[in-house]
Amino acid sequence: MAIKSVINASIGTVAFTSTAGDTLTIHLERLHEANQRYAALHGLKQKVGDAAALGASATDDDKFAAMRVIVDHLESGSPDWNLGRTSTDSALIEALIAAGKDDTAEMRAKVRAMTPAQRVALQTHPTVKPHYDAILAARGKSVDTDAILAGL
């Protein structure tokens, strides 16, 4: 089992807990100002760089577009660290392609930058919905939904 970490932004700490239960906590206010700034920049580098982890088939243009979405979001003034991407983004992208949209880095980045309301609107659009529903049905085909419903 791995060491777990928890960020508590309200009190400015990161706590690390070992599998044995030992805890190590670092307090932001105890860091020198230069280290606080460097830590923030390092975190931004990691956050933006993580967006480029799109898989071996992704081009540099795809990766750069995904990184730009994160930069634009973080610089937008939003208090949200995460963009709000959902696991259904890839299904929506697949459905859009099946509905005739070109598979481009720009299209993928635009979908990932959409608000939840915009995603739902596209998912339920008459042109997209049949493809979207088929993709989700195929993904859930091996799941025993009767057993899940019975357990609720």
N, C-alpha and C. Protein backbone atom coordinates (compact mmCIF):
# COMPACT_ATOMS: atom_id res chain seq x y z
N MET A 1 0.85 -1.17 0.00
CA MET A 1 0.00 0.00 0.00
C MET A 1 0.89 1.24 0.00
N ALA A 2 0.46 2.28 -0.64
CA ALA A 2 1.27 3.49 -0.81
C ALA A 2 1.03 4.49 0.32
N ILE A 3 1.98 5.38 0.45
CA ILE A 3 1.83 6.50 1.38
C ILE A 3 0.75 7.41 0.81
N LYS A 4 -0.18 7.83 1.65
CA LYS A 4 -1.28 8.70 1.21
C LYS A 4 -0.96 10.13 1.59
N SER A 5 -1.45 11.05 0.75
CA SER A 5 -1.27 12.47 1.05
C SER A 5 -2.61 13.17 0.97
N VAL A 6 -2.79 14.17 1.85
CA VAL A 6 -4.02 14.94 1.88
C VAL A 6 -3.66 16.42 1.97
N ILE A 7 -4.17 17.19 1.02
CA ILE A 7 -3.98 18.64 1.04
C ILE A 7 -5.17 19.26 1.77
N ASN A 8 -4.88 20.09 2.76
CA ASN A 8 -5.92 20.84 3.46
C ASN A 8 -5.65 22.32 3.19
N ALA A 9 -6.27 22.83 2.13
CA ALA A 9 -6.03 24.21 1.71
C ALA A 9 -6.49 25.22 2.74
N SER A 10 -7.53 24.90 3.51
CA SER A 10 -8.06 25.87 4.46
C SER A 10 -7.08 26.18 5.58
N ILE A 11 -6.25 25.21 5.95
CA ILE A 11 -5.26 25.48 7.00
C ILE A 11 -3.84 25.48 6.47
N GLY A 12 -3.69 25.24 5.15
CA GLY A 12 -2.38 25.34 4.52
C GLY A 12 -1.43 24.22 4.88
N THR A 13 -1.91 22.97 4.85
CA THR A 13 -1.04 21.84 5.18
C THR A 13 -1.15 20.74 4.13
N VAL A 14 -0.12 19.93 4.08
CA VAL A 14 -0.15 18.67 3.36
C VAL A 14 0.27 17.61 4.37
N ALA A 15 -0.58 16.61 4.57
CA ALA A 15 -0.29 15.53 5.51
C ALA A 15 -0.02 14.25 4.72
N PHE A 16 1.04 13.55 5.11
CA PHE A 16 1.41 12.28 4.50
C PHE A 16 1.24 11.20 5.57
N THR A 17 0.56 10.12 5.21
CA THR A 17 0.33 9.04 6.16
C THR A 17 0.88 7.74 5.59
N SER A 18 1.73 7.06 6.39
CA SER A 18 2.32 5.81 5.95
C SER A 18 1.35 4.66 6.17
N THR A 19 1.68 3.52 5.63
CA THR A 19 0.83 2.34 5.81
C THR A 19 0.80 1.91 7.28
N ALA A 20 1.83 2.29 8.04
CA ALA A 20 1.88 1.97 9.47
C ALA A 20 1.08 2.97 10.30
N GLY A 21 0.58 4.04 9.65
CA GLY A 21 -0.22 5.03 10.36
C GLY A 21 0.56 6.25 10.83
N ASP A 22 1.85 6.29 10.55
CA ASP A 22 2.65 7.46 10.92
C ASP A 22 2.27 8.62 10.02
N THR A 23 2.23 9.84 10.59
CA THR A 23 1.84 11.02 9.83
C THR A 23 2.95 12.05 9.86
N LEU A 24 3.18 12.67 8.70
CA LEU A 24 4.14 13.76 8.55
C LEU A 24 3.38 14.90 7.90
N THR A 25 3.42 16.08 8.52
CA THR A 25 2.66 17.22 8.01
C THR A 25 3.60 18.38 7.72
N ILE A 26 3.42 19.00 6.55
CA ILE A 26 4.17 20.21 6.22
C ILE A 26 3.19 21.38 6.20
N HIS A 27 3.61 22.49 6.81
CA HIS A 27 2.76 23.67 6.97
C HIS A 27 3.26 24.79 6.07
N LEU A 28 2.41 25.25 5.19
CA LEU A 28 2.80 26.27 4.22
C LEU A 28 3.35 27.52 4.89
N GLU A 29 2.71 27.98 5.97
CA GLU A 29 3.15 29.24 6.59
C GLU A 29 4.52 29.13 7.25
N ARG A 30 5.01 27.91 7.45
CA ARG A 30 6.33 27.72 8.06
C ARG A 30 7.45 27.74 7.04
N LEU A 31 7.08 27.76 5.75
CA LEU A 31 8.10 27.79 4.70
C LEU A 31 8.57 29.22 4.47
N HIS A 32 9.82 29.35 4.08
CA HIS A 32 10.33 30.66 3.68
C HIS A 32 9.54 31.12 2.45
N GLU A 33 9.35 32.41 2.31
CA GLU A 33 8.58 32.98 1.21
C GLU A 33 9.08 32.49 -0.15
N ALA A 34 10.40 32.39 -0.31
CA ALA A 34 10.96 31.92 -1.59
C ALA A 34 10.54 30.48 -1.86
N ASN A 35 10.50 29.64 -0.80
CA ASN A 35 10.09 28.26 -0.97
C ASN A 35 8.58 28.14 -1.22
N GLN A 36 7.80 29.03 -0.62
CA GLN A 36 6.36 29.04 -0.90
C GLN A 36 6.12 29.33 -2.38
N ARG A 37 6.82 30.33 -2.91
CA ARG A 37 6.66 30.70 -4.32
C ARG A 37 7.12 29.57 -5.23
N TYR A 38 8.28 28.99 -4.91
CA TYR A 38 8.78 27.90 -5.74
C TYR A 38 7.84 26.70 -5.71
N ALA A 39 7.30 26.39 -4.53
CA ALA A 39 6.36 25.27 -4.40
C ALA A 39 5.11 25.52 -5.24
N ALA A 40 4.63 26.76 -5.24
CA ALA A 40 3.45 27.09 -6.05
C ALA A 40 3.76 26.91 -7.54
N LEU A 41 4.91 27.40 -7.98
CA LEU A 41 5.28 27.28 -9.39
C LEU A 41 5.51 25.82 -9.77
N HIS A 42 6.12 25.06 -8.87
CA HIS A 42 6.33 23.63 -9.13
C HIS A 42 4.98 22.91 -9.27
N GLY A 43 4.04 23.26 -8.40
CA GLY A 43 2.71 22.66 -8.48
C GLY A 43 2.02 23.00 -9.78
N LEU A 44 2.16 24.25 -10.25
CA LEU A 44 1.58 24.65 -11.53
C LEU A 44 2.23 23.89 -12.69
N LYS A 45 3.54 23.73 -12.62
CA LYS A 45 4.25 22.97 -13.66
C LYS A 45 3.71 21.55 -13.72
N GLN A 46 3.53 20.93 -12.56
CA GLN A 46 3.01 19.56 -12.51
C GLN A 46 1.57 19.50 -13.03
N LYS A 47 0.74 20.44 -12.58
CA LYS A 47 -0.67 20.46 -12.96
C LYS A 47 -0.83 20.59 -14.47
N VAL A 48 -0.14 21.55 -15.05
CA VAL A 48 -0.25 21.79 -16.49
C VAL A 48 0.38 20.63 -17.26
N GLY A 49 1.52 20.15 -16.79
CA GLY A 49 2.19 19.03 -17.45
C GLY A 49 1.36 17.76 -17.42
N ASP A 50 0.63 17.52 -16.33
CA ASP A 50 -0.22 16.33 -16.23
C ASP A 50 -1.28 16.29 -17.31
N ALA A 51 -1.72 17.46 -17.76
CA ALA A 51 -2.75 17.52 -18.80
C ALA A 51 -2.25 16.94 -20.12
N ALA A 52 -0.93 16.88 -20.29
CA ALA A 52 -0.35 16.36 -21.53
C ALA A 52 -0.28 14.84 -21.54
N ALA A 53 -0.64 14.19 -20.46
CA ALA A 53 -0.59 12.73 -20.38
C ALA A 53 -1.82 12.14 -21.06
N LEU A 54 -1.81 12.16 -22.38
CA LEU A 54 -2.97 11.74 -23.16
C LEU A 54 -2.79 10.38 -23.83
N GLY A 55 -1.65 9.77 -23.64
CA GLY A 55 -1.41 8.47 -24.27
C GLY A 55 -0.46 8.57 -25.44
N ALA A 56 0.01 7.41 -25.86
CA ALA A 56 1.05 7.35 -26.89
C ALA A 56 0.59 7.88 -28.25
N SER A 57 -0.68 7.79 -28.55
CA SER A 57 -1.15 8.23 -29.87
C SER A 57 -1.36 9.75 -29.96
N ALA A 58 -1.29 10.44 -28.83
CA ALA A 58 -1.50 11.89 -28.83
C ALA A 58 -0.32 12.60 -29.47
N THR A 59 -0.64 13.59 -30.28
CA THR A 59 0.41 14.40 -30.89
C THR A 59 0.81 15.53 -29.95
N ASP A 60 1.90 16.20 -30.29
CA ASP A 60 2.30 17.36 -29.49
C ASP A 60 1.21 18.43 -29.52
N ASP A 61 0.54 18.58 -30.65
CA ASP A 61 -0.55 19.55 -30.75
C ASP A 61 -1.69 19.18 -29.80
N ASP A 62 -2.02 17.88 -29.72
CA ASP A 62 -3.06 17.42 -28.80
C ASP A 62 -2.66 17.75 -27.36
N LYS A 63 -1.42 17.44 -27.02
CA LYS A 63 -0.93 17.66 -25.66
C LYS A 63 -0.92 19.15 -25.32
N PHE A 64 -0.43 19.96 -26.27
CA PHE A 64 -0.36 21.40 -26.02
C PHE A 64 -1.75 22.00 -25.87
N ALA A 65 -2.71 21.51 -26.66
CA ALA A 65 -4.09 22.00 -26.55
C ALA A 65 -4.67 21.65 -25.19
N ALA A 66 -4.40 20.45 -24.71
CA ALA A 66 -4.90 20.05 -23.39
C ALA A 66 -4.25 20.90 -22.29
N MET A 67 -2.98 21.20 -22.44
CA MET A 67 -2.28 22.04 -21.47
C MET A 67 -2.86 23.46 -21.48
N ARG A 68 -3.17 23.96 -22.68
CA ARG A 68 -3.72 25.32 -22.80
C ARG A 68 -5.07 25.42 -22.09
N VAL A 69 -5.88 24.37 -22.16
CA VAL A 69 -7.17 24.37 -21.47
C VAL A 69 -6.97 24.56 -19.97
N ILE A 70 -5.98 23.87 -19.40
CA ILE A 70 -5.71 24.00 -17.96
C ILE A 70 -5.21 25.40 -17.63
N VAL A 71 -4.28 25.91 -18.43
CA VAL A 71 -3.76 27.27 -18.19
C VAL A 71 -4.89 28.29 -18.26
N ASP A 72 -5.71 28.17 -19.29
CA ASP A 72 -6.82 29.12 -19.45
C ASP A 72 -7.77 29.04 -18.25
N HIS A 73 -8.04 27.82 -17.80
CA HIS A 73 -8.93 27.65 -16.64
C HIS A 73 -8.31 28.29 -15.39
N LEU A 74 -7.05 27.98 -15.11
CA LEU A 74 -6.42 28.50 -13.89
C LEU A 74 -6.27 30.02 -13.92
N GLU A 75 -6.06 30.57 -15.10
CA GLU A 75 -5.91 32.03 -15.23
C GLU A 75 -7.26 32.74 -15.39
N SER A 76 -8.35 31.99 -15.40
CA SER A 76 -9.67 32.59 -15.60
C SER A 76 -10.20 33.30 -14.36
N GLY A 77 -9.56 33.06 -13.24
CA GLY A 77 -10.06 33.64 -11.99
C GLY A 77 -10.94 32.68 -11.22
N SER A 78 -11.20 31.51 -11.76
CA SER A 78 -12.01 30.51 -11.07
C SER A 78 -11.32 30.07 -9.78
N PRO A 79 -12.07 29.88 -8.70
CA PRO A 79 -11.46 29.38 -7.47
C PRO A 79 -11.24 27.86 -7.51
N ASP A 80 -11.74 27.20 -8.56
CA ASP A 80 -11.65 25.75 -8.66
C ASP A 80 -10.30 25.32 -9.23
N TRP A 81 -9.61 24.46 -8.50
CA TRP A 81 -8.33 23.92 -8.95
C TRP A 81 -8.55 22.97 -10.12
N ASN A 82 -9.58 22.15 -10.02
CA ASN A 82 -9.88 21.19 -11.08
C ASN A 82 -10.90 21.77 -12.04
N LEU A 83 -10.77 21.37 -13.28
CA LEU A 83 -11.60 21.88 -14.36
C LEU A 83 -13.01 21.34 -14.31
N GLY A 84 -13.23 20.22 -13.68
CA GLY A 84 -14.56 19.65 -13.64
C GLY A 84 -14.77 18.63 -14.74
N ARG A 85 -13.69 18.14 -15.28
CA ARG A 85 -13.76 17.11 -16.31
C ARG A 85 -14.39 15.86 -15.70
N THR A 86 -15.19 15.19 -16.47
CA THR A 86 -15.84 13.99 -15.98
C THR A 86 -15.38 12.78 -16.78
N SER A 87 -15.63 11.60 -16.24
CA SER A 87 -15.25 10.38 -16.95
C SER A 87 -16.06 10.21 -18.22
N THR A 88 -17.15 10.96 -18.34
CA THR A 88 -17.97 10.86 -19.55
C THR A 88 -17.47 11.76 -20.67
N ASP A 89 -16.42 12.56 -20.42
CA ASP A 89 -15.87 13.40 -21.48
C ASP A 89 -15.44 12.56 -22.68
N SER A 90 -14.75 11.45 -22.42
CA SER A 90 -14.29 10.64 -23.55
C SER A 90 -15.47 10.04 -24.30
N ALA A 91 -16.53 9.65 -23.60
CA ALA A 91 -17.73 9.13 -24.26
C ALA A 91 -18.38 10.22 -25.11
N LEU A 92 -18.42 11.43 -24.60
CA LEU A 92 -19.00 12.53 -25.37
C LEU A 92 -18.16 12.80 -26.61
N ILE A 93 -16.85 12.78 -26.46
CA ILE A 93 -15.97 12.99 -27.61
C ILE A 93 -16.18 11.89 -28.64
N GLU A 94 -16.24 10.63 -28.19
CA GLU A 94 -16.50 9.52 -29.11
C GLU A 94 -17.84 9.72 -29.82
N ALA A 95 -18.85 10.14 -29.09
CA ALA A 95 -20.18 10.34 -29.68
C ALA A 95 -20.16 11.47 -30.71
N LEU A 96 -19.45 12.54 -30.42
CA LEU A 96 -19.35 13.64 -31.37
C LEU A 96 -18.67 13.20 -32.67
N ILE A 97 -17.62 12.38 -32.51
CA ILE A 97 -16.93 11.86 -33.70
C ILE A 97 -17.87 10.96 -34.49
N ALA A 98 -18.59 10.08 -33.77
CA ALA A 98 -19.55 9.19 -34.45
C ALA A 98 -20.65 9.99 -35.14
N ALA A 99 -20.96 11.16 -34.60
CA ALA A 99 -22.00 12.02 -35.18
C ALA A 99 -21.46 12.87 -36.33
N GLY A 100 -20.18 12.72 -36.65
CA GLY A 100 -19.63 13.40 -37.81
C GLY A 100 -18.66 14.55 -37.55
N LYS A 101 -18.39 14.85 -36.28
CA LYS A 101 -17.43 15.92 -35.99
C LYS A 101 -16.01 15.41 -36.22
N ASP A 102 -15.13 16.29 -36.66
CA ASP A 102 -13.73 15.92 -36.89
C ASP A 102 -13.02 15.73 -35.55
N ASP A 103 -12.20 14.68 -35.48
CA ASP A 103 -11.44 14.39 -34.27
C ASP A 103 -10.17 15.24 -34.28
N THR A 104 -10.25 16.41 -33.67
CA THR A 104 -9.10 17.32 -33.61
C THR A 104 -8.77 17.63 -32.16
N ALA A 105 -7.55 18.06 -31.94
CA ALA A 105 -7.14 18.46 -30.60
C ALA A 105 -7.99 19.62 -30.11
N GLU A 106 -8.33 20.52 -31.02
CA GLU A 106 -9.15 21.68 -30.65
C GLU A 106 -10.53 21.25 -30.16
N MET A 107 -11.15 20.30 -30.88
CA MET A 107 -12.47 19.82 -30.48
C MET A 107 -12.39 19.15 -29.11
N ARG A 108 -11.38 18.31 -28.91
CA ARG A 108 -11.23 17.62 -27.63
C ARG A 108 -11.03 18.61 -26.49
N ALA A 109 -10.21 19.62 -26.72
CA ALA A 109 -9.96 20.63 -25.70
C ALA A 109 -11.22 21.43 -25.39
N LYS A 110 -11.99 21.73 -26.41
CA LYS A 110 -13.24 22.48 -26.20
C LYS A 110 -14.23 21.67 -25.36
N VAL A 111 -14.34 20.38 -25.64
CA VAL A 111 -15.25 19.53 -24.86
C VAL A 111 -14.79 19.48 -23.40
N ARG A 112 -13.50 19.33 -23.19
CA ARG A 112 -12.99 19.25 -21.82
C ARG A 112 -13.14 20.56 -21.07
N ALA A 113 -13.26 21.66 -21.79
CA ALA A 113 -13.41 22.98 -21.15
C ALA A 113 -14.87 23.37 -20.93
N MET A 114 -15.80 22.55 -21.40
CA MET A 114 -17.23 22.88 -21.28
C MET A 114 -17.70 22.82 -19.83
N THR A 115 -18.73 23.60 -19.56
CA THR A 115 -19.38 23.52 -18.25
C THR A 115 -20.20 22.23 -18.20
N PRO A 116 -20.55 21.76 -17.01
CA PRO A 116 -21.41 20.58 -16.92
C PRO A 116 -22.72 20.74 -17.69
N ALA A 117 -23.31 21.92 -17.64
CA ALA A 117 -24.57 22.15 -18.36
C ALA A 117 -24.38 22.02 -19.87
N GLN A 118 -23.26 22.52 -20.39
CA GLN A 118 -22.99 22.40 -21.82
C GLN A 118 -22.80 20.94 -22.21
N ARG A 119 -22.10 20.17 -21.36
CA ARG A 119 -21.91 18.75 -21.65
C ARG A 119 -23.24 18.02 -21.72
N VAL A 120 -24.10 18.27 -20.73
CA VAL A 120 -25.41 17.61 -20.70
C VAL A 120 -26.22 18.00 -21.93
N ALA A 121 -26.16 19.27 -22.30
CA ALA A 121 -26.90 19.71 -23.48
C ALA A 121 -26.44 18.97 -24.73
N LEU A 122 -25.14 18.79 -24.88
CA LEU A 122 -24.63 18.06 -26.04
C LEU A 122 -24.98 16.57 -25.96
N GLN A 123 -24.86 15.99 -24.76
CA GLN A 123 -25.16 14.57 -24.59
C GLN A 123 -26.60 14.25 -24.96
N THR A 124 -27.49 15.20 -24.76
CA THR A 124 -28.92 14.97 -25.02
C THR A 124 -29.38 15.54 -26.36
N HIS A 125 -28.48 16.15 -27.12
CA HIS A 125 -28.83 16.68 -28.44
C HIS A 125 -29.23 15.52 -29.35
N PRO A 126 -30.30 15.67 -30.13
CA PRO A 126 -30.79 14.57 -30.97
C PRO A 126 -29.75 13.96 -31.91
N THR A 127 -28.78 14.73 -32.34
CA THR A 127 -27.75 14.19 -33.23
C THR A 127 -26.72 13.36 -32.47
N VAL A 128 -26.46 13.72 -31.22
CA VAL A 128 -25.41 13.09 -30.44
C VAL A 128 -25.93 11.97 -29.54
N LYS A 129 -27.13 12.13 -29.00
CA LYS A 129 -27.67 11.22 -27.98
C LYS A 129 -27.64 9.74 -28.36
N PRO A 130 -28.06 9.35 -29.56
CA PRO A 130 -28.03 7.92 -29.88
C PRO A 130 -26.61 7.32 -29.80
N HIS A 131 -25.62 8.07 -30.27
CA HIS A 131 -24.23 7.61 -30.23
C HIS A 131 -23.74 7.56 -28.78
N TYR A 132 -24.06 8.61 -28.02
CA TYR A 132 -23.63 8.70 -26.62
C TYR A 132 -24.22 7.54 -25.81
N ASP A 133 -25.52 7.30 -25.98
CA ASP A 133 -26.18 6.22 -25.25
C ASP A 133 -25.59 4.86 -25.61
N ALA A 134 -25.29 4.65 -26.88
CA ALA A 134 -24.71 3.37 -27.32
C ALA A 134 -23.33 3.16 -26.72
N ILE A 135 -22.53 4.22 -26.64
CA ILE A 135 -21.18 4.12 -26.07
C ILE A 135 -21.26 3.78 -24.59
N LEU A 136 -22.14 4.48 -23.86
CA LEU A 136 -22.28 4.19 -22.43
C LEU A 136 -22.83 2.79 -22.20
N ALA A 137 -23.77 2.36 -23.02
CA ALA A 137 -24.34 1.01 -22.89
C ALA A 137 -23.26 -0.05 -23.10
N ALA A 138 -22.40 0.17 -24.08
CA ALA A 138 -21.32 -0.78 -24.35
C ALA A 138 -20.34 -0.83 -23.19
N ARG A 139 -20.05 0.30 -22.60
CA ARG A 139 -19.11 0.36 -21.47
C ARG A 139 -19.67 -0.35 -20.24
N GLY A 140 -20.98 -0.31 -20.06
CA GLY A 140 -21.59 -0.91 -18.88
C GLY A 140 -22.12 -2.31 -19.10
N LYS A 141 -21.87 -2.87 -20.28
CA LYS A 141 -22.45 -4.16 -20.66
C LYS A 141 -22.10 -5.28 -19.69
N SER A 142 -20.90 -5.28 -19.15
CA SER A 142 -20.47 -6.38 -18.28
C SER A 142 -20.86 -6.19 -16.82
N VAL A 143 -21.56 -5.12 -16.51
CA VAL A 143 -21.95 -4.83 -15.13
C VAL A 143 -23.33 -5.41 -14.84
N ASP A 144 -23.45 -6.09 -13.72
CA ASP A 144 -24.73 -6.66 -13.31
C ASP A 144 -25.56 -5.57 -12.62
N THR A 145 -26.31 -4.83 -13.42
CA THR A 145 -27.08 -3.71 -12.88
C THR A 145 -28.23 -4.17 -11.99
N ASP A 146 -28.78 -5.37 -12.25
CA ASP A 146 -29.83 -5.90 -11.38
C ASP A 146 -29.32 -6.10 -9.96
N ALA A 147 -28.10 -6.61 -9.85
CA ALA A 147 -27.51 -6.81 -8.52
C ALA A 147 -27.23 -5.47 -7.84
N ILE A 148 -26.81 -4.50 -8.60
CA ILE A 148 -26.54 -3.18 -8.03
C ILE A 148 -27.84 -2.56 -7.53
N LEU A 149 -28.88 -2.62 -8.37
CA LEU A 149 -30.17 -2.06 -7.96
C LEU A 149 -30.73 -2.77 -6.72
N ALA A 150 -30.56 -4.07 -6.66
CA ALA A 150 -31.06 -4.83 -5.52
C ALA A 150 -30.32 -4.45 -4.23
N GLY A 151 -29.08 -4.04 -4.38
CA GLY A 151 -28.28 -3.66 -3.22
C GLY A 151 -28.49 -2.24 -2.74
N LEU A 152 -29.28 -1.49 -3.46
CA LEU A 152 -29.52 -0.09 -3.08
C LEU A 152 -30.72 0.07 -2.16
